[in-house]
Amino acid sequence: MRGLWIPVTLLGALALAACSDAPKESKGEKGDPGPPGPKGDPGVAGTTLRVVAPQSSTASCQTDEIMISAYCTGTFTNYPLVPLTNGARCGANPNSTTLRVTIVCAKR
């Protein structure tokens, strides 16, 4: 058994050497462009985004939209963002004059 490893190794090396890439043929010149194909159907419209930034602390998306992002601006010591059903509010007071909410709505 010990004497078989040399012939097996040599046979494997020869088999791997036979797998090398053959020289590549040179490419010919580029041909003329073909005729244009028929025009395809229009694609599906992309997502429509709408930014809502009222001068208040509460904002909502329309019924055919969904809120995808919200953040608060203004003066606050704790993070005051409160998510609502389809909108958001900044802070506990919906009539706040120091906090503003900005939301991003997407069409469903």
C-alpha atoms as a PDB file:
ATOM      1  CA  MET A   1       0.000   0.000   0.000  1.00  0.00           C
ATOM      2  CA  ARG A   2       2.846   2.385   0.831  1.00  0.00           C
ATOM      3  CA  GLY A   3       4.296   2.072  -2.645  1.00  0.00           C
ATOM      4  CA  LEU A   4       1.043   3.084  -4.361  1.00  0.00           C
ATOM      5  CA  TRP A   5       0.992   6.690  -3.203  1.00  0.00           C
ATOM      6  CA  ILE A   6       3.737   7.793  -5.626  1.00  0.00           C
ATOM      7  CA  PRO A   7       2.038   6.489  -8.812  1.00  0.00           C
ATOM      8  CA  VAL A   8      -1.356   7.788  -7.609  1.00  0.00           C
ATOM      9  CA  THR A   9       0.124  11.224  -6.896  1.00  0.00           C
ATOM     10  CA  LEU A  10       1.810  11.345 -10.301  1.00  0.00           C
ATOM     11  CA  LEU A  11      -1.387  10.255 -12.030  1.00  0.00           C
ATOM     12  CA  GLY A  12      -3.346  12.995 -10.201  1.00  0.00           C
ATOM     13  CA  ALA A  13      -0.742  15.625 -11.143  1.00  0.00           C
ATOM     14  CA  LEU A  14      -0.963  14.598 -14.809  1.00  0.00           C
ATOM     15  CA  ALA A  15      -4.754  14.736 -14.712  1.00  0.00           C
ATOM     16  CA  LEU A  16      -4.665  18.248 -13.251  1.00  0.00           C
ATOM     17  CA  ALA A  17      -2.093  19.384 -15.809  1.00  0.00           C
ATOM     18  CA  ALA A  18      -4.429  18.289 -18.606  1.00  0.00           C
ATOM     19  CA  CYS A  19      -7.111  20.648 -17.215  1.00  0.00           C
ATOM     20  CA  SER A  20      -5.158  23.833 -17.946  1.00  0.00           C
ATOM     21  CA  ASP A  21      -6.712  26.509 -20.139  1.00  0.00           C
ATOM     22  CA  ALA A  22      -6.012  26.206 -23.816  1.00  0.00           C
ATOM     23  CA  PRO A  23      -4.674  29.307 -25.578  1.00  0.00           C
ATOM     24  CA  LYS A  24      -7.526  31.675 -26.342  1.00  0.00           C
ATOM     25  CA  GLU A  25      -8.346  32.484 -29.915  1.00  0.00           C
ATOM     26  CA  SER A  26      -8.227  36.129 -30.891  1.00  0.00           C
ATOM     27  CA  LYS A  27     -11.588  37.809 -31.317  1.00  0.00           C
ATOM     28  CA  GLY A  28     -12.752  39.191 -34.609  1.00  0.00           C
ATOM     29  CA  GLU A  29     -13.878  42.747 -35.238  1.00  0.00           C
ATOM     30  CA  LYS A  30     -17.120  43.993 -33.775  1.00  0.00           C
ATOM     31  CA  GLY A  31     -20.066  43.722 -36.144  1.00  0.00           C
ATOM     32  CA  ASP A  32     -22.705  46.289 -37.033  1.00  0.00           C
ATOM     33  CA  PRO A  33     -25.562  46.768 -34.540  1.00  0.00           C
ATOM     34  CA  GLY A  34     -28.732  44.887 -35.304  1.00  0.00           C
ATOM     35  CA  PRO A  35     -32.136  46.445 -35.910  1.00  0.00           C
ATOM     36  CA  PRO A  36     -33.974  47.843 -32.865  1.00  0.00           C
ATOM     37  CA  GLY A  37     -36.448  45.535 -31.196  1.00  0.00           C
ATOM     38  CA  PRO A  38     -40.089  46.310 -30.434  1.00  0.00           C
ATOM     39  CA  LYS A  39     -40.840  48.731 -27.599  1.00  0.00           C
ATOM     40  CA  GLY A  40     -41.688  46.955 -24.332  1.00  0.00           C
ATOM     41  CA  ASP A  41     -44.659  47.534 -22.080  1.00  0.00           C
ATOM     42  CA  PRO A  42     -44.306  50.290 -19.470  1.00  0.00           C
ATOM     43  CA  GLY A  43     -43.089  49.154 -16.073  1.00  0.00           C
ATOM     44  CA  VAL A  44     -44.925  49.375 -12.789  1.00  0.00           C
ATOM     45  CA  ALA A  45     -44.819  52.806 -11.171  1.00  0.00           C
ATOM     46  CA  GLY A  46     -42.381  53.163  -8.276  1.00  0.00           C
ATOM     47  CA  THR A  47     -43.279  53.949  -4.705  1.00  0.00           C
ATOM     48  CA  THR A  48     -44.562  57.470  -4.121  1.00  0.00           C
ATOM     49  CA  LEU A  49     -43.239  59.103  -0.966  1.00  0.00           C
ATOM     50  CA  ARG A  50     -44.669  62.197   0.701  1.00  0.00           C
ATOM     51  CA  VAL A  51     -43.049  64.192   3.511  1.00  0.00           C
ATOM     52  CA  VAL A  52     -45.466  65.708   6.025  1.00  0.00           C
ATOM     53  CA  ALA A  53     -43.945  68.435   8.207  1.00  0.00           C
ATOM     54  CA  PRO A  54     -46.695  70.534   9.808  1.00  0.00           C
ATOM     55  CA  GLN A  55     -46.081  73.394  12.223  1.00  0.00           C
ATOM     56  CA  SER A  56     -47.460  71.209  15.023  1.00  0.00           C
ATOM     57  CA  SER A  57     -46.461  68.199  17.062  1.00  0.00           C
ATOM     58  CA  THR A  58     -48.915  65.764  15.407  1.00  0.00           C
ATOM     59  CA  ALA A  59     -49.130  64.478  11.817  1.00  0.00           C
ATOM     60  CA  SER A  60     -50.910  61.628  10.024  1.00  0.00           C
ATOM     61  CA  CYS A  61     -50.730  59.961   6.637  1.00  0.00           C
ATOM     62  CA  GLN A  62     -53.772  59.726   4.368  1.00  0.00           C
ATOM     63  CA  THR A  63     -55.906  56.566   4.380  1.00  0.00           C
ATOM     64  CA  ASP A  64     -54.275  55.232   1.178  1.00  0.00           C
ATOM     65  CA  GLU A  65     -50.785  55.703   2.668  1.00  0.00           C
ATOM     66  CA  ILE A  66     -48.666  54.108   5.369  1.00  0.00           C
ATOM     67  CA  MET A  67     -46.167  55.887   7.612  1.00  0.00           C
ATOM     68  CA  ILE A  68     -42.616  54.611   7.034  1.00  0.00           C
ATOM     69  CA  SER A  69     -40.576  57.113   9.061  1.00  0.00           C
ATOM     70  CA  ALA A  70     -40.996  59.753  11.769  1.00  0.00           C
ATOM     71  CA  TYR A  71     -38.781  62.045  13.830  1.00  0.00           C
ATOM     72  CA  CYS A  72     -39.104  64.972  16.202  1.00  0.00           C
ATOM     73  CA  THR A  73     -37.392  68.353  16.207  1.00  0.00           C
ATOM     74  CA  GLY A  74     -37.441  71.072  18.819  1.00  0.00           C
ATOM     75  CA  THR A  75     -36.458  71.361  22.469  1.00  0.00           C
ATOM     76  CA  PHE A  76     -36.800  68.251  24.588  1.00  0.00           C
ATOM     77  CA  THR A  77     -34.809  66.306  27.153  1.00  0.00           C
ATOM     78  CA  ASN A  78     -36.273  62.855  26.522  1.00  0.00           C
ATOM     79  CA  TYR A  79     -36.997  61.223  23.177  1.00  0.00           C
ATOM     80  CA  PRO A  80     -40.646  62.245  22.741  1.00  0.00           C
ATOM     81  CA  LEU A  81     -41.755  60.353  19.583  1.00  0.00           C
ATOM     82  CA  VAL A  82     -45.147  58.675  20.048  1.00  0.00           C
ATOM     83  CA  PRO A  83     -46.315  56.475  17.137  1.00  0.00           C
ATOM     84  CA  LEU A  84     -50.027  56.690  16.292  1.00  0.00           C
ATOM     85  CA  THR A  85     -52.217  54.437  14.123  1.00  0.00           C
ATOM     86  CA  ASN A  86     -51.028  55.981  10.852  1.00  0.00           C
ATOM     87  CA  GLY A  87     -48.922  58.902  12.014  1.00  0.00           C
ATOM     88  CA  ALA A  88     -46.897  60.200  14.934  1.00  0.00           C
ATOM     89  CA  ARG A  89     -46.830  62.801  17.674  1.00  0.00           C
ATOM     90  CA  CYS A  90     -43.933  64.435  19.478  1.00  0.00           C
ATOM     91  CA  GLY A  91     -44.443  64.589  23.220  1.00  0.00           C
ATOM     92  CA  ALA A  92     -47.546  64.109  25.329  1.00  0.00           C
ATOM     93  CA  ASN A  93     -49.107  67.484  24.451  1.00  0.00           C
ATOM     94  CA  PRO A  94     -50.642  67.520  20.934  1.00  0.00           C
ATOM     95  CA  ASN A  95     -50.769  71.359  21.099  1.00  0.00           C
ATOM     96  CA  SER A  96     -47.067  71.813  21.893  1.00  0.00           C
ATOM     97  CA  THR A  97     -45.400  74.890  20.390  1.00  0.00           C
ATOM     98  CA  THR A  98     -41.812  73.736  21.037  1.00  0.00           C
ATOM     99  CA  LEU A  99     -41.930  70.307  19.335  1.00  0.00           C
ATOM    100  CA  ARG A 100     -42.446  69.516  15.644  1.00  0.00           C
ATOM    101  CA  VAL A 101     -42.969  66.144  14.006  1.00  0.00           C
ATOM    102  CA  THR A 102     -41.908  65.141  10.494  1.00  0.00           C
ATOM    103  CA  ILE A 103     -43.233  61.936   8.953  1.00  0.00           C
ATOM    104  CA  VAL A 104     -42.737  60.186   5.619  1.00  0.00           C
ATOM    105  CA  CYS A 105     -45.745  58.482   4.032  1.00  0.00           C
ATOM    106  CA  ALA A 106     -45.766  55.909   1.188  1.00  0.00           C
ATOM    107  CA  LYS A 107     -48.656  54.946  -1.072  1.00  0.00           C
ATOM    108  CA  ARG A 108     -50.008  51.485  -0.283  1.00  0.00           C
END
